[in-house]
Each structure stands twice: as C-alpha cells, then as structure tokens.
C-alpha cells in the first residue's frame, strides 16, 4: 500500500470520526435501577461506574448491542444499548414537572404574600367607603328633614306675615289698661283739685 492510499485511508477515518462526533445524540438511561458503565466495548468486564435511571450522556457511537457514551463530567465508557432511550424517561419527566410545580407554587406563595398587604388595605378602604356612604345617606336624610321643616316654617311665616304674636297683643292691652287707669285717676284728681281750689280731696 503506497503512501497516497494510507493518507486517503487516514483522512477517511478522520472524517468518519468527525462525522460521528458531530452527529452525537443525547441518550438517557431507561427506567431500570442502575446501568453499568464498562471499559470493554462488549461490557464483558466489571462496571467501573453505575448510572441511574434518567442520567444523561452523549452517545458517541453505537451498534446493535452496545453504545459508547460520554458522561457530562467527560468520562467515557460502554453500556448496553437495550437500556438506552433517546426520549426522556417518565421518571425524569415527572421529576422535572414536580420541580417546576414546586417553583410555581413558591412563586404563587410569594405573590400572595406580596399582595396580602394591598388586599388588606383595599378591604379597609372598602369598609371605610361603606361607612362614609352610610354617613352620607344619614346626612342626606337629615338635610331632607330640615328642608321640610324649613318649608313648613316658611309657610307659617307667610300665613302670619301681618299678624302679631298673642303675647305682644296681650302685653299691649295690659299696658293700655294700666295707662288708662292711671290716666283716669290723674284726670279725676285734677278735676277734683280744680273744683276745690287746688286742694286734693281723698
């Protein structure tokens, strides 16, 4: 084999390796208790690490029975392909969903706590508004009563516009009587003194 053929073969192997790396898939350990990671390509040796269900890794190459994988920490090895799936296992989906649910519950609790004080303030303002509305209603009723009373007083004033109160009339009559009696005594006394030469006769 000449040098040209060797160079072509090396170049082809290199391109194949690059293509295999560029088309690497993300696989997951299927729903089993654990999966052994082996150094031997046929997994005939003792596993040097055990992977749990849902652990992700990068599939570098695979055949009908085995797959070469790279873990997130960079460790490579071989696993049995029967225990590898390329969709997230239900266990991992459930765990992610539960974590998302817990996060949403925490956010909801924070939002409720944040809105608790404004809600209490709003309730207090509503109660205050209700109390003020009741007071306004009472004030309106009182104003209506006073307006009705005022109208009644105005009607009475118009009716008795040119009349005097009874107390005034009685007082004026009493004053007139007293003044008349006193004037009568004075007149009688004056006439009596004139008749008797200025001497008052009792």
Protein backbone atom coordinates (compact mmCIF):
# COMPACT_ATOMS: atom_id res chain seq x y z
CA UNK A 1 0.00 0.00 0.00
CA UNK A 2 1.54 3.26 -1.06
CA UNK A 3 1.65 6.49 0.91
CA UNK A 4 -1.18 8.05 -1.06
CA UNK A 5 -3.53 5.22 -0.14
CA UNK A 6 -2.51 5.40 3.50
CA UNK A 7 -3.12 9.14 3.56
CA UNK A 8 -6.54 8.65 1.98
CA UNK A 9 -7.41 5.92 4.48
CA UNK A 10 -6.33 8.09 7.43
CA UNK A 11 -8.25 11.03 6.03
CA UNK A 12 -11.36 8.88 5.59
CA UNK A 13 -11.10 7.55 9.16
CA UNK A 14 -10.62 11.08 10.46
CA UNK A 15 -13.65 12.33 8.55
CA UNK A 16 -15.70 9.40 9.84
CA UNK A 17 -14.69 10.20 13.41
CA UNK A 18 -15.56 13.87 12.95
CA UNK A 19 -18.93 12.96 11.43
CA UNK A 20 -19.65 10.58 14.30
CA UNK A 21 -18.86 13.28 16.86
CA UNK A 22 -20.89 15.92 15.04
CA UNK A 23 -23.94 13.62 14.88
CA UNK A 24 -23.72 12.60 18.55
CA UNK A 25 -27.10 12.12 20.22
CA UNK A 26 -28.15 12.66 23.80
CA UNK A 27 -29.29 9.42 25.37
CA UNK A 28 -30.73 8.58 28.79
CA UNK A 29 -30.62 5.53 30.99
CA UNK A 30 -34.01 3.88 30.70
CA UNK A 31 -36.24 3.02 33.66
CA UNK A 32 -34.04 0.42 35.39
CA UNK A 33 -32.44 0.51 38.81
CA UNK A 34 -28.89 1.01 37.52
CA UNK A 35 -26.80 0.54 34.39
CA UNK A 36 -23.16 -0.46 34.48
CA UNK A 37 -20.55 1.65 32.64
CA UNK A 38 -17.76 -0.55 31.26
CA UNK A 39 -14.34 -0.06 29.78
CA UNK A 40 -14.75 -3.06 27.44
CA UNK A 41 -16.69 -2.44 24.25
CA UNK A 42 -18.74 -5.63 24.79
CA UNK A 43 -19.35 -4.81 28.50
CA UNK A 44 -17.73 -8.10 29.46
CA UNK A 45 -15.67 -6.55 32.23
CA UNK A 46 -16.75 -5.35 35.64
CA UNK A 47 -18.52 -1.97 35.55
CA UNK A 48 -16.43 0.86 36.97
CA UNK A 49 -19.47 3.08 37.48
CA UNK A 50 -23.21 2.65 37.75
CA UNK A 51 -25.66 5.04 36.14
CA UNK A 52 -29.14 5.69 37.49
CA UNK A 53 -32.37 5.95 35.58
CA UNK A 54 -32.64 9.32 33.88
CA UNK A 55 -28.90 10.06 33.86
CA UNK A 56 -28.00 11.80 30.57
CA UNK A 57 -24.94 11.16 28.44
CA UNK A 58 -23.67 11.75 24.93
CA UNK A 59 -23.79 8.75 22.60
CA UNK A 60 -20.53 8.72 20.65
CA UNK A 61 -21.18 5.54 18.69
CA UNK A 62 -23.49 2.54 18.83
CA UNK A 63 -24.24 -0.77 17.22
CA UNK A 64 -26.94 -3.35 17.69
CA UNK A 65 -25.94 -4.30 21.26
CA UNK A 66 -23.62 -1.66 22.76
CA UNK A 67 -23.05 2.09 22.77
CA UNK A 68 -20.02 4.19 23.58
CA UNK A 69 -21.05 7.14 25.71
CA UNK A 70 -19.54 10.25 27.31
CA UNK A 71 -20.88 11.47 30.67
CA UNK A 72 -21.30 15.17 31.48
CA UNK A 73 -18.06 15.03 33.53
CA UNK A 74 -16.12 13.78 30.46
CA UNK A 75 -15.81 10.11 31.48
CA UNK A 76 -16.33 7.70 28.56
CA UNK A 77 -17.31 4.03 28.56
CA UNK A 78 -19.64 1.45 27.13
CA UNK A 79 -23.20 0.49 28.06
CA UNK A 80 -25.75 -2.00 26.77
CA UNK A 81 -27.93 -0.34 24.12
CA UNK A 82 -31.06 -2.14 25.36
CA UNK A 83 -31.11 0.17 28.39
CA UNK A 84 -30.63 3.40 26.45
CA UNK A 85 -33.54 5.55 25.27
CA UNK A 86 -33.45 8.79 23.33
CA UNK A 87 -36.60 10.27 24.83
CA UNK A 88 -36.65 11.46 28.42
CA UNK A 89 -37.86 8.66 30.73
CA UNK A 90 -41.11 9.14 32.57
CA UNK A 91 -39.26 9.29 35.89
CA UNK A 92 -37.16 12.24 34.71
CA UNK A 93 -40.18 14.00 33.20
CA UNK A 94 -42.09 13.53 36.47
CA UNK A 95 -39.17 14.89 38.48
CA UNK A 96 -38.80 17.93 36.21
CA UNK A 97 -42.56 18.53 36.28
CA UNK A 98 -42.60 18.25 40.08
CA UNK A 99 -39.69 20.71 40.34
CA UNK A 100 -41.49 23.12 38.02
CA UNK A 101 -44.67 22.71 40.06
CA UNK A 102 -42.80 23.42 43.29
CA UNK A 103 -41.20 26.50 41.73
CA UNK A 104 -44.59 27.77 40.55
CA UNK A 105 -46.06 27.09 43.99
CA UNK A 106 -43.25 29.07 45.60
CA UNK A 107 -43.77 31.95 43.15
CA UNK A 108 -47.51 31.86 43.84
CA UNK A 109 -46.87 31.96 47.60
CA UNK A 110 -44.54 34.95 47.11
CA UNK A 111 -47.17 36.73 45.00
CA UNK A 112 -49.86 36.06 47.61
CA UNK A 113 -47.57 37.42 50.33
CA UNK A 114 -46.77 40.46 48.19
CA UNK A 115 -50.47 41.19 47.57
CA UNK A 116 -51.63 40.39 51.13
CA UNK A 117 -50.97 43.89 52.49
CA UNK A 118 -52.54 45.73 49.50
CA UNK A 119 -55.54 43.39 49.76
CA UNK A 120 -55.97 44.23 53.45
CA UNK A 121 -55.62 47.93 52.66
CA UNK A 122 -58.19 47.59 49.89
CA UNK A 123 -60.59 45.83 52.26
CA UNK A 124 -60.11 48.60 54.83
CA UNK A 125 -60.74 51.26 52.19
CA UNK A 126 -63.88 49.45 51.05
CA UNK A 127 -65.13 49.30 54.64
CA UNK A 128 -64.31 52.98 55.11
CA UNK A 129 -66.12 53.80 51.87
CA UNK A 130 -69.15 51.83 53.05
CA UNK A 131 -69.15 53.69 56.39
CA UNK A 132 -68.86 57.05 54.63
CA UNK A 133 -71.69 56.11 52.29
CA UNK A 134 -73.88 55.28 55.29
CA UNK A 135 -72.98 58.60 56.94
CA UNK A 136 -73.73 60.43 53.70
CA UNK A 137 -77.11 58.71 53.49
CA UNK A 138 -77.90 59.79 57.06
CA UNK A 139 -76.77 63.35 56.30
CA UNK A 140 -78.98 63.43 53.20
CA UNK A 141 -81.95 62.23 55.23
CA UNK A 142 -81.26 64.90 57.88
CA UNK A 143 -80.97 67.58 55.19
CA UNK A 144 -84.30 66.42 53.72
CA UNK A 145 -85.93 66.66 57.18
CA UNK A 146 -84.50 70.14 57.77
CA UNK A 147 -85.63 71.30 54.32
CA UNK A 148 -89.15 70.02 55.01
CA UNK A 149 -89.16 71.76 58.41
CA UNK A 150 -87.87 74.95 56.82
CA UNK A 151 -90.58 74.84 54.18
CA UNK A 152 -93.19 74.38 56.94
CA UNK A 153 -91.79 77.36 58.85
CA UNK A 154 -91.77 79.48 55.69
CA UNK A 155 -95.40 78.55 55.07
CA UNK A 156 -96.34 79.53 58.63
CA UNK A 157 -94.40 82.78 58.30
CA UNK A 158 -96.24 83.62 55.09
CA UNK A 159 -99.56 82.79 56.76
CA UNK A 160 -98.92 85.02 59.82
CA UNK A 161 -96.95 87.66 57.96
CA UNK A 162 -99.16 90.60 59.09
CA UNK A 163 -100.24 89.25 62.48
CA UNK A 164 -98.70 89.86 65.87
CA UNK A 165 -97.96 87.24 68.47
CA UNK A 166 -100.59 86.77 71.19
CA UNK A 167 -98.10 87.70 73.90
CA UNK A 168 -97.40 91.01 72.22
CA UNK A 169 -101.12 91.79 71.85
CA UNK A 170 -101.85 90.81 75.46
CA UNK A 171 -98.90 92.90 76.67
CA UNK A 172 -100.06 95.90 74.66
CA UNK A 173 -103.63 95.55 76.02
CA UNK A 174 -102.33 95.29 79.59
CA UNK A 175 -100.16 98.35 79.13
CA UNK A 176 -103.08 100.26 77.67
CA UNK A 177 -105.32 99.26 80.59
CA UNK A 178 -102.75 100.28 83.17
CA UNK A 179 -102.09 103.53 81.32
CA UNK A 180 -105.84 104.20 81.04
CA UNK A 181 -106.44 103.55 84.73
CA UNK A 182 -103.55 105.79 85.72
CA UNK A 183 -104.68 108.47 83.28
CA UNK A 184 -108.22 108.22 84.66
CA UNK A 185 -107.00 108.66 88.26
CA UNK A 186 -104.92 111.63 87.19
CA UNK A 187 -107.85 113.23 85.36
CA UNK A 188 -110.25 112.71 88.24
CA UNK A 189 -107.69 114.07 90.70
CA UNK A 190 -107.05 117.12 88.51
CA UNK A 191 -110.74 117.90 88.16
CA UNK A 192 -111.24 117.44 91.88
CA UNK A 193 -108.44 119.84 92.76
CA UNK A 194 -109.70 122.43 90.31
CA UNK A 195 -113.13 122.15 91.79
CA UNK A 196 -111.90 122.53 95.38
CA UNK A 197 -109.41 125.26 94.80
CA UNK A 198 -106.36 123.14 94.37
CA UNK A 199 -106.95 121.01 97.46
CA UNK A 200 -106.79 117.24 96.93
CA UNK A 201 -109.80 115.56 98.42
CA UNK A 202 -109.29 111.90 99.28
